[in-house]
Amino acid sequence: MIKKCLFPAAGYGTRFLPVTKAMPKEMLPILTKPLIQYGVEEAMEAGCSIMSIITGRGKRAITDHFDISYELEHQIKGSSKENLLEEIRQIIKKCTFTYTRQNEMKGLGDAIYQGNALVGDSDPFAVVLADDLCVNPKGDGILKQMVELYNKYKCCIVAIMEVPKDEVYKYGVIEGNILENDVFMVSNMVEKPEIDKAPSNLAVIGRYILTPDIFKMIEDTKPGKNGEIQITDALCEQAKKSMVIAYKFKGKRFDCGSVDGFVEATNYFYNLEK
């Protein structure tokens, strides 16, 4: 069973300045819940109970959110507002939260590597990027789908989706052969390729299941695109040495790291709850 989920949450969120000057982008609200809470709920549905968060300077709001606010609890106790805290109370009760900081912004690969101290090096673990908000109103959440796939293949898994060819430069892109319906064995991965050099239009999004040997792969990975340590490069090497699969998930993903995606997600969840 995969019990641990890692949340890289140290980025600056520069596309949302000035609001992210003092507020973590992971705390931006979709209706009445912050992005990272949606990610934690998805991880809980998949069976995770230990949430490990990679933070940075100015990210204390995340820690405070997943903690009891005694003053607030006292102020609203017995009022009609008290039930509004029930969801977050249950999360705090059922989950353990651990934290460490990424002191320098050196890429997603480095952020995941910093999580070694939290998730250990003996068990597989999930990774959720909170600004990729995923939903599957007709069935299991994306991470739960991936956990079920891990139970079958016992290897690293990346979630993928088809994107327009002219947008591949924004993503890590996979090349691979079909194993079964919507499942590919990865043979190559390229981080943010030029449009005419992309091996496919199958783009990696912010959901991963990783085996603990990924830390050694990251350790041996040299800085790549933009001088950062890319998890794509580490997974590409792992695909050559063992096995990595890509899963075209069932559901919908919103890029809430962009203003357009954030507004789209807000409208979608508003209409969903009407």
C-alpha atoms as a PDB file:
ATOM      1  CA  MET A   1       0.000   0.000   0.000  1.00  0.00           C
ATOM      2  CA  ILE A   2       1.142   3.527  -0.777  1.00  0.00           C
ATOM      3  CA  LYS A   3       0.693   5.531   2.402  1.00  0.00           C
ATOM      4  CA  LYS A   4       2.867   8.593   1.778  1.00  0.00           C
ATOM      5  CA  CYS A   5       2.226  11.481  -0.578  1.00  0.00           C
ATOM      6  CA  LEU A   6       4.780  14.200  -1.308  1.00  0.00           C
ATOM      7  CA  PHE A   7       3.663  17.743  -2.161  1.00  0.00           C
ATOM      8  CA  PRO A   8       6.357  19.969  -3.709  1.00  0.00           C
ATOM      9  CA  ALA A   9       5.132  23.432  -2.683  1.00  0.00           C
ATOM     10  CA  ALA A  10       8.195  25.662  -2.584  1.00  0.00           C
ATOM     11  CA  GLY A  11       7.722  27.615  -5.817  1.00  0.00           C
ATOM     12  CA  TYR A  12       7.184  31.362  -5.941  1.00  0.00           C
ATOM     13  CA  GLY A  13       3.994  31.341  -8.024  1.00  0.00           C
ATOM     14  CA  THR A  14       5.212  34.285 -10.084  1.00  0.00           C
ATOM     15  CA  ARG A  15       2.375  34.013 -12.616  1.00  0.00           C
ATOM     16  CA  PHE A  16       0.016  35.139  -9.850  1.00  0.00           C
ATOM     17  CA  LEU A  17       1.937  38.156  -8.595  1.00  0.00           C
ATOM     18  CA  PRO A  18       1.220  40.324  -6.702  1.00  0.00           C
ATOM     19  CA  VAL A  19      -1.124  38.068  -4.689  1.00  0.00           C
ATOM     20  CA  THR A  20       1.578  35.387  -4.282  1.00  0.00           C
ATOM     21  CA  LYS A  21       4.021  37.916  -2.870  1.00  0.00           C
ATOM     22  CA  ALA A  22       2.680  37.098   0.606  1.00  0.00           C
ATOM     23  CA  MET A  23       0.395  34.126  -0.065  1.00  0.00           C
ATOM     24  CA  PRO A  24       1.493  30.658  -1.268  1.00  0.00           C
ATOM     25  CA  LYS A  25      -0.021  29.781  -4.636  1.00  0.00           C
ATOM     26  CA  GLU A  26      -1.017  26.414  -3.126  1.00  0.00           C
ATOM     27  CA  MET A  27      -3.352  28.353  -0.813  1.00  0.00           C
ATOM     28  CA  LEU A  28      -5.218  30.087  -3.638  1.00  0.00           C
ATOM     29  CA  PRO A  29      -8.898  29.176  -3.195  1.00  0.00           C
ATOM     30  CA  ILE A  30     -11.123  27.312  -5.592  1.00  0.00           C
ATOM     31  CA  LEU A  31     -14.447  28.351  -4.052  1.00  0.00           C
ATOM     32  CA  THR A  32     -13.892  27.871  -0.288  1.00  0.00           C
ATOM     33  CA  LYS A  33     -10.960  25.423  -0.289  1.00  0.00           C
ATOM     34  CA  PRO A  34      -7.287  26.047  -1.111  1.00  0.00           C
ATOM     35  CA  LEU A  35      -5.688  24.146  -3.968  1.00  0.00           C
ATOM     36  CA  ILE A  36      -3.510  22.042  -1.692  1.00  0.00           C
ATOM     37  CA  GLN A  37      -6.536  20.781   0.261  1.00  0.00           C
ATOM     38  CA  TYR A  38      -8.000  19.367  -2.956  1.00  0.00           C
ATOM     39  CA  GLY A  39      -4.699  17.561  -3.490  1.00  0.00           C
ATOM     40  CA  VAL A  40      -4.658  16.180   0.047  1.00  0.00           C
ATOM     41  CA  GLU A  41      -8.234  14.925  -0.320  1.00  0.00           C
ATOM     42  CA  GLU A  42      -7.284  13.174  -3.569  1.00  0.00           C
ATOM     43  CA  ALA A  43      -4.328  11.535  -1.818  1.00  0.00           C
ATOM     44  CA  MET A  44      -6.549  10.407   1.067  1.00  0.00           C
ATOM     45  CA  GLU A  45      -8.985   8.821  -1.383  1.00  0.00           C
ATOM     46  CA  ALA A  46      -6.029   6.898  -2.832  1.00  0.00           C
ATOM     47  CA  GLY A  47      -5.149   5.495   0.604  1.00  0.00           C
ATOM     48  CA  CYS A  48      -2.450   7.933   1.727  1.00  0.00           C
ATOM     49  CA  SER A  49      -2.391   9.133   5.323  1.00  0.00           C
ATOM     50  CA  ILE A  50       1.073  10.704   5.598  1.00  0.00           C
ATOM     51  CA  MET A  51       1.295  14.024   3.739  1.00  0.00           C
ATOM     52  CA  SER A  52       4.836  15.314   3.297  1.00  0.00           C
ATOM     53  CA  ILE A  53       5.125  18.888   2.099  1.00  0.00           C
ATOM     54  CA  ILE A  54       8.186  20.614   0.618  1.00  0.00           C
ATOM     55  CA  THR A  55       7.838  24.276   1.510  1.00  0.00           C
ATOM     56  CA  GLY A  56       9.929  27.410   1.283  1.00  0.00           C
ATOM     57  CA  ARG A  57      10.165  30.863   2.797  1.00  0.00           C
ATOM     58  CA  GLY A  58       6.801  32.572   3.135  1.00  0.00           C
ATOM     59  CA  LYS A  59       4.814  29.315   3.091  1.00  0.00           C
ATOM     60  CA  ARG A  60       3.695  29.169   6.725  1.00  0.00           C
ATOM     61  CA  ALA A  61       0.048  29.518   5.723  1.00  0.00           C
ATOM     62  CA  ILE A  62       0.167  25.911   4.464  1.00  0.00           C
ATOM     63  CA  THR A  63       1.360  24.649   7.856  1.00  0.00           C
ATOM     64  CA  ASP A  64      -1.258  26.736   9.658  1.00  0.00           C
ATOM     65  CA  HIS A  65      -4.053  25.475   7.410  1.00  0.00           C
ATOM     66  CA  PHE A  66      -3.401  21.856   8.376  1.00  0.00           C
ATOM     67  CA  ASP A  67      -3.372  22.647  12.088  1.00  0.00           C
ATOM     68  CA  ILE A  68      -5.992  23.523  14.705  1.00  0.00           C
ATOM     69  CA  SER A  69      -6.814  27.220  15.095  1.00  0.00           C
ATOM     70  CA  TYR A  70      -7.923  27.404  18.710  1.00  0.00           C
ATOM     71  CA  GLU A  71      -9.012  31.055  18.584  1.00  0.00           C
ATOM     72  CA  LEU A  72     -11.149  30.478  15.491  1.00  0.00           C
ATOM     73  CA  GLU A  73     -12.630  27.291  16.947  1.00  0.00           C
ATOM     74  CA  HIS A  74     -13.553  29.180  20.102  1.00  0.00           C
ATOM     75  CA  GLN A  75     -15.116  32.089  18.212  1.00  0.00           C
ATOM     76  CA  ILE A  76     -17.433  29.993  16.027  1.00  0.00           C
ATOM     77  CA  LYS A  77     -18.227  27.159  18.452  1.00  0.00           C
ATOM     78  CA  GLY A  78     -21.957  26.538  18.556  1.00  0.00           C
ATOM     79  CA  SER A  79     -22.652  28.867  15.639  1.00  0.00           C
ATOM     80  CA  SER A  80     -23.943  28.072  12.147  1.00  0.00           C
ATOM     81  CA  LYS A  81     -20.388  28.517  10.837  1.00  0.00           C
ATOM     82  CA  GLU A  82     -18.888  25.658  12.868  1.00  0.00           C
ATOM     83  CA  ASN A  83     -19.814  22.966  10.338  1.00  0.00           C
ATOM     84  CA  LEU A  84     -17.756  24.785   7.678  1.00  0.00           C
ATOM     85  CA  LEU A  85     -14.607  23.482   9.395  1.00  0.00           C
ATOM     86  CA  GLU A  86     -15.722  19.845   9.469  1.00  0.00           C
ATOM     87  CA  GLU A  87     -13.828  18.778   6.319  1.00  0.00           C
ATOM     88  CA  ILE A  88     -10.509  20.234   7.433  1.00  0.00           C
ATOM     89  CA  ARG A  89     -11.010  18.857  10.956  1.00  0.00           C
ATOM     90  CA  GLN A  90     -11.360  15.360   9.518  1.00  0.00           C
ATOM     91  CA  ILE A  91      -8.227  15.802   7.411  1.00  0.00           C
ATOM     92  CA  ILE A  92      -6.215  16.923  10.442  1.00  0.00           C
ATOM     93  CA  LYS A  93      -7.586  13.998  12.462  1.00  0.00           C
ATOM     94  CA  LYS A  94      -6.878  11.305   9.883  1.00  0.00           C
ATOM     95  CA  CYS A  95      -3.549  12.469   8.447  1.00  0.00           C
ATOM     96  CA  THR A  96      -0.041  13.131   9.655  1.00  0.00           C
ATOM     97  CA  PHE A  97       1.703  16.152   8.130  1.00  0.00           C
ATOM     98  CA  THR A  98       5.463  16.493   7.852  1.00  0.00           C
ATOM     99  CA  TYR A  99       7.426  19.386   6.386  1.00  0.00           C
ATOM    100  CA  THR A 100      10.846  20.377   5.135  1.00  0.00           C
ATOM    101  CA  ARG A 101      12.130  23.315   3.115  1.00  0.00           C
ATOM    102  CA  GLN A 102      13.703  23.544  -0.303  1.00  0.00           C
ATOM    103  CA  ASN A 103      16.189  26.333   0.336  1.00  0.00           C
ATOM    104  CA  GLU A 104      16.964  26.983  -3.338  1.00  0.00           C
ATOM    105  CA  MET A 105      14.644  26.725  -6.331  1.00  0.00           C
ATOM    106  CA  LYS A 106      16.532  24.125  -8.364  1.00  0.00           C
ATOM    107  CA  GLY A 107      13.700  22.330 -10.111  1.00  0.00           C
ATOM    108  CA  LEU A 108      11.057  19.703  -9.411  1.00  0.00           C
ATOM    109  CA  GLY A 109      13.638  16.914  -9.337  1.00  0.00           C
ATOM    110  CA  ASP A 110      15.499  18.663  -6.537  1.00  0.00           C
ATOM    111  CA  ALA A 111      12.258  19.357  -4.646  1.00  0.00           C
ATOM    112  CA  ILE A 112      11.374  15.664  -4.745  1.00  0.00           C
ATOM    113  CA  TYR A 113      14.917  14.793  -3.685  1.00  0.00           C
ATOM    114  CA  GLN A 114      14.511  17.017  -0.602  1.00  0.00           C
ATOM    115  CA  GLY A 115      11.514  14.856   0.272  1.00  0.00           C
ATOM    116  CA  ASN A 116      13.752  11.843   0.845  1.00  0.00           C
ATOM    117  CA  ALA A 117      14.077  12.845   4.489  1.00  0.00           C
ATOM    118  CA  LEU A 118      10.279  12.769   4.836  1.00  0.00           C
ATOM    119  CA  VAL A 119       9.170   9.730   2.812  1.00  0.00           C
ATOM    120  CA  GLY A 120      12.245   7.558   3.410  1.00  0.00           C
ATOM    121  CA  ASP A 121      13.990   5.250   0.977  1.00  0.00           C
ATOM    122  CA  SER A 122      12.183   1.946   1.487  1.00  0.00           C
ATOM    123  CA  ASP A 123       8.633   2.430   0.201  1.00  0.00           C
ATOM    124  CA  PRO A 124       6.970   3.761  -2.951  1.00  0.00           C
ATOM    125  CA  PHE A 125       5.232   7.110  -2.602  1.00  0.00           C
ATOM    126  CA  ALA A 126       2.917   9.408  -4.515  1.00  0.00           C
ATOM    127  CA  VAL A 127       3.667  12.942  -5.677  1.00  0.00           C
ATOM    128  CA  VAL A 128       0.985  15.585  -6.190  1.00  0.00           C
ATOM    129  CA  LEU A 129       1.539  19.052  -7.632  1.00  0.00           C
ATOM    130  CA  ALA A 130      -1.286  21.031  -6.069  1.00  0.00           C
ATOM    131  CA  ASP A 131      -1.578  23.576  -8.878  1.00  0.00           C
ATOM    132  CA  ASP A 132      -2.587  20.720 -11.175  1.00  0.00           C
ATOM    133  CA  LEU A 133      -6.148  20.346  -9.905  1.00  0.00           C
ATOM    134  CA  CYS A 134      -7.622  17.028 -11.039  1.00  0.00           C
ATOM    135  CA  VAL A 135     -11.160  15.740 -10.779  1.00  0.00           C
ATOM    136  CA  ASN A 136     -13.083  12.713 -11.996  1.00  0.00           C
ATOM    137  CA  PRO A 137     -16.758  13.199 -11.110  1.00  0.00           C
ATOM    138  CA  LYS A 138     -17.724   9.887 -12.739  1.00  0.00           C
ATOM    139  CA  GLY A 139     -15.370   7.618 -10.795  1.00  0.00           C
ATOM    140  CA  ASP A 140     -12.143   7.245  -8.836  1.00  0.00           C
ATOM    141  CA  GLY A 141      -9.748  10.150  -8.488  1.00  0.00           C
ATOM    142  CA  ILE A 142      -6.637  10.229 -10.670  1.00  0.00           C
ATOM    143  CA  LEU A 143      -4.242   9.200  -7.888  1.00  0.00           C
ATOM    144  CA  LYS A 144      -6.434   6.279  -6.856  1.00  0.00           C
ATOM    145  CA  GLN A 145      -6.462   5.096 -10.472  1.00  0.00           C
ATOM    146  CA  MET A 146      -2.660   5.243 -10.478  1.00  0.00           C
ATOM    147  CA  VAL A 147      -2.324   3.348  -7.183  1.00  0.00           C
ATOM    148  CA  GLU A 148      -4.415   0.517  -8.621  1.00  0.00           C
ATOM    149  CA  LEU A 149      -2.117   0.491 -11.653  1.00  0.00           C
ATOM    150  CA  TYR A 150       0.950   0.439  -9.388  1.00  0.00           C
ATOM    151  CA  ASN A 151      -0.413  -2.631  -7.618  1.00  0.00           C
ATOM    152  CA  LYS A 152      -0.286  -4.368 -10.987  1.00  0.00           C
ATOM    153  CA  TYR A 153       3.052  -3.159 -12.405  1.00  0.00           C
ATOM    154  CA  LYS A 154       5.099  -2.217  -9.281  1.00  0.00           C
ATOM    155  CA  CYS A 155       7.078   0.535 -11.008  1.00  0.00           C
ATOM    156  CA  CYS A 156       7.190   4.307 -11.396  1.00  0.00           C
ATOM    157  CA  ILE A 157       4.089   5.784 -12.999  1.00  0.00           C
ATOM    158  CA  VAL A 158       3.475   9.217 -14.508  1.00  0.00           C
ATOM    159  CA  ALA A 159       0.061  10.611 -15.378  1.00  0.00           C
ATOM    160  CA  ILE A 160      -0.256  11.889 -18.938  1.00  0.00           C
ATOM    161  CA  MET A 161      -2.782  13.662 -21.107  1.00  0.00           C
ATOM    162  CA  GLU A 162      -2.989  14.591 -24.768  1.00  0.00           C
ATOM    163  CA  VAL A 163      -2.254  18.253 -25.448  1.00  0.00           C
ATOM    164  CA  PRO A 164      -2.340  20.270 -28.680  1.00  0.00           C
ATOM    165  CA  LYS A 165       0.895  19.872 -30.615  1.00  0.00           C
ATOM    166  CA  ASP A 166       1.643  23.583 -30.341  1.00  0.00           C
ATOM    167  CA  GLU A 167       1.611  23.353 -26.512  1.00  0.00           C
ATOM    168  CA  VAL A 168       4.089  20.511 -25.997  1.00  0.00           C
ATOM    169  CA  TYR A 169       6.846  23.012 -25.186  1.00  0.00           C
ATOM    170  CA  LYS A 170       5.147  23.640 -21.812  1.00  0.00           C
ATOM    171  CA  TYR A 171       5.428  20.033 -20.589  1.00  0.00           C
ATOM    172  CA  GLY A 172       7.534  16.963 -20.150  1.00  0.00           C
ATOM    173  CA  VAL A 173       6.579  14.713 -23.072  1.00  0.00           C
ATOM    174  CA  ILE A 174       6.815  10.920 -23.279  1.00  0.00           C
ATOM    175  CA  GLU A 175       7.576   8.446 -26.022  1.00  0.00           C
ATOM    176  CA  GLY A 176       6.486   4.864 -25.540  1.00  0.00           C
ATOM    177  CA  ASN A 177       4.693   1.729 -26.625  1.00  0.00           C
ATOM    178  CA  ILE A 178       1.163   0.719 -25.647  1.00  0.00           C
ATOM    179  CA  LEU A 179       0.996  -1.926 -22.912  1.00  0.00           C
ATOM    180  CA  GLU A 180      -2.770  -1.916 -22.556  1.00  0.00           C
ATOM    181  CA  ASN A 181      -5.605   0.544 -22.957  1.00  0.00           C
ATOM    182  CA  ASP A 182      -4.328   4.033 -21.915  1.00  0.00           C
ATOM    183  CA  VAL A 183      -1.100   2.564 -20.482  1.00  0.00           C
ATOM    184  CA  PHE A 184       2.301   3.064 -22.160  1.00  0.00           C
ATOM    185  CA  MET A 185       5.762   1.687 -21.434  1.00  0.00           C
ATOM    186  CA  VAL A 186       8.013   4.741 -21.544  1.00  0.00           C
ATOM    187  CA  SER A 187      11.093   4.605 -23.746  1.00  0.00           C
ATOM    188  CA  ASN A 188      11.984   8.300 -23.705  1.00  0.00           C
ATOM    189  CA  MET A 189      10.983  11.520 -21.939  1.00  0.00           C
ATOM    190  CA  VAL A 190      11.838  15.062 -22.998  1.00  0.00           C
ATOM    191  CA  GLU A 191      11.371  18.158 -20.838  1.00  0.00           C
ATOM    192  CA  LYS A 192       9.711  21.080 -22.639  1.00  0.00           C
ATOM    193  CA  PRO A 193      10.763  20.065 -26.159  1.00  0.00           C
ATOM    194  CA  GLU A 194      10.644  22.316 -29.184  1.00  0.00           C
ATOM    195  CA  ILE A 195       7.430  21.713 -31.073  1.00  0.00           C
ATOM    196  CA  ASP A 196       9.122  20.051 -34.065  1.00  0.00           C
ATOM    197  CA  LYS A 197      11.244  17.807 -31.811  1.00  0.00           C
ATOM    198  CA  ALA A 198       8.549  16.486 -29.477  1.00  0.00           C
ATOM    199  CA  PRO A 199       8.317  12.673 -29.578  1.00  0.00           C
ATOM    200  CA  SER A 200       4.511  12.799 -29.076  1.00  0.00           C
ATOM    201  CA  ASN A 201       1.759  15.024 -27.745  1.00  0.00           C
ATOM    202  CA  LEU A 202       1.420  12.944 -24.552  1.00  0.00           C
ATOM    203  CA  ALA A 203       2.318  15.365 -21.764  1.00  0.00           C
ATOM    204  CA  VAL A 204       3.164  14.570 -18.142  1.00  0.00           C
ATOM    205  CA  ILE A 205       1.006  16.326 -15.550  1.00  0.00           C
ATOM    206  CA  GLY A 206       1.474  16.731 -11.804  1.00  0.00           C
ATOM    207  CA  ARG A 207       0.712  13.208 -10.591  1.00  0.00           C
ATOM    208  CA  TYR A 208       3.411  10.587 -10.029  1.00  0.00           C
ATOM    209  CA  ILE A 209       3.964   7.348  -8.201  1.00  0.00           C
ATOM    210  CA  LEU A 210       7.669   6.841  -7.570  1.00  0.00           C
ATOM    211  CA  THR A 211       9.733   3.978  -6.226  1.00  0.00           C
ATOM    212  CA  PRO A 212      12.460   4.844  -3.683  1.00  0.00           C
ATOM    213  CA  ASP A 213      15.298   4.180  -6.137  1.00  0.00           C
ATOM    214  CA  ILE A 214      14.282   7.434  -7.835  1.00  0.00           C
ATOM    215  CA  PHE A 215      16.362   9.290  -5.252  1.00  0.00           C
ATOM    216  CA  LYS A 216      19.558   7.700  -6.562  1.00  0.00           C
ATOM    217  CA  MET A 217      18.466   8.551 -10.109  1.00  0.00           C
ATOM    218  CA  ILE A 218      17.928  12.188  -9.136  1.00  0.00           C
ATOM    219  CA  GLU A 219      21.263  12.265  -7.329  1.00  0.00           C
ATOM    220  CA  ASP A 220      22.982  11.241 -10.565  1.00  0.00           C
ATOM    221  CA  THR A 221      20.974  13.637 -12.749  1.00  0.00           C
ATOM    222  CA  LYS A 222      22.748  16.741 -14.023  1.00  0.00           C
ATOM    223  CA  PRO A 223      20.919  20.069 -14.362  1.00  0.00           C
ATOM    224  CA  GLY A 224      18.922  20.135 -17.573  1.00  0.00           C
ATOM    225  CA  LYS A 225      16.358  22.543 -19.023  1.00  0.00           C
ATOM    226  CA  ASN A 226      16.747  26.046 -17.500  1.00  0.00           C
ATOM    227  CA  GLY A 227      19.640  24.796 -15.375  1.00  0.00           C
ATOM    228  CA  GLU A 228      17.233  22.892 -13.122  1.00  0.00           C
ATOM    229  CA  ILE A 229      17.224  19.274 -11.982  1.00  0.00           C
ATOM    230  CA  GLN A 230      14.308  17.783 -13.858  1.00  0.00           C
ATOM    231  CA  ILE A 231      12.365  14.780 -12.605  1.00  0.00           C
ATOM    232  CA  THR A 232      11.715  14.043 -16.293  1.00  0.00           C
ATOM    233  CA  ASP A 233      15.428  13.436 -16.858  1.00  0.00           C
ATOM    234  CA  ALA A 234      15.690  11.132 -13.831  1.00  0.00           C
ATOM    235  CA  LEU A 235      12.639   9.137 -14.932  1.00  0.00           C
ATOM    236  CA  CYS A 236      14.024   8.884 -18.458  1.00  0.00           C
ATOM    237  CA  GLU A 237      17.146   7.205 -17.080  1.00  0.00           C
ATOM    238  CA  GLN A 238      15.036   4.945 -14.911  1.00  0.00           C
ATOM    239  CA  ALA A 239      12.994   3.933 -17.950  1.00  0.00           C
ATOM    240  CA  LYS A 240      16.204   2.816 -19.659  1.00  0.00           C
ATOM    241  CA  LYS A 241      17.414   0.804 -16.659  1.00  0.00           C
ATOM    242  CA  SER A 242      14.164  -0.709 -15.415  1.00  0.00           C
ATOM    243  CA  MET A 243      10.567   0.284 -16.157  1.00  0.00           C
ATOM    244  CA  VAL A 244       8.447   3.430 -16.127  1.00  0.00           C
ATOM    245  CA  ILE A 245       4.886   3.523 -17.341  1.00  0.00           C
ATOM    246  CA  ALA A 246       2.660   6.417 -18.356  1.00  0.00           C
ATOM    247  CA  TYR A 247      -1.063   6.406 -17.725  1.00  0.00           C
ATOM    248  CA  LYS A 248      -3.621   8.437 -19.665  1.00  0.00           C
ATOM    249  CA  PHE A 249      -5.971   9.034 -16.769  1.00  0.00           C
ATOM    250  CA  LYS A 250      -9.743   9.250 -16.676  1.00  0.00           C
ATOM    251  CA  GLY A 251     -10.901  12.668 -15.547  1.00  0.00           C
ATOM    252  CA  LYS A 252     -10.149  16.340 -16.025  1.00  0.00           C
ATOM    253  CA  ARG A 253      -7.132  18.432 -15.148  1.00  0.00           C
ATOM    254  CA  PHE A 254      -6.970  22.181 -14.597  1.00  0.00           C
ATOM    255  CA  ASP A 255      -3.683  24.070 -14.802  1.00  0.00           C
ATOM    256  CA  CYS A 256      -4.259  26.291 -11.785  1.00  0.00           C
ATOM    257  CA  GLY A 257      -0.712  27.575 -12.069  1.00  0.00           C
ATOM    258  CA  SER A 258      -2.075  29.801 -14.839  1.00  0.00           C
ATOM    259  CA  VAL A 259      -4.752  32.470 -14.472  1.00  0.00           C
ATOM    260  CA  ASP A 260      -6.838  30.980 -17.303  1.00  0.00           C
ATOM    261  CA  GLY A 261      -6.782  27.510 -15.743  1.00  0.00           C
ATOM    262  CA  PHE A 262      -7.547  28.905 -12.307  1.00  0.00           C
ATOM    263  CA  VAL A 263     -10.620  30.756 -13.587  1.00  0.00           C
ATOM    264  CA  GLU A 264     -11.723  27.683 -15.559  1.00  0.00           C
ATOM    265  CA  ALA A 265     -11.456  25.513 -12.428  1.00  0.00           C
ATOM    266  CA  THR A 266     -13.372  28.036 -10.334  1.00  0.00           C
ATOM    267  CA  ASN A 267     -16.217  28.125 -12.843  1.00  0.00           C
ATOM    268  CA  TYR A 268     -16.233  24.337 -13.165  1.00  0.00           C
ATOM    269  CA  PHE A 269     -16.465  23.692  -9.405  1.00  0.00           C
ATOM    270  CA  TYR A 270     -19.018  26.459  -8.955  1.00  0.00           C
ATOM    271  CA  ASN A 271     -21.288  24.857 -11.559  1.00  0.00           C
ATOM    272  CA  LEU A 272     -20.608  21.406 -10.101  1.00  0.00           C
ATOM    273  CA  GLU A 273     -21.894  22.480  -6.702  1.00  0.00           C
ATOM    274  CA  LYS A 274     -24.979  24.336  -7.993  1.00  0.00           C
END
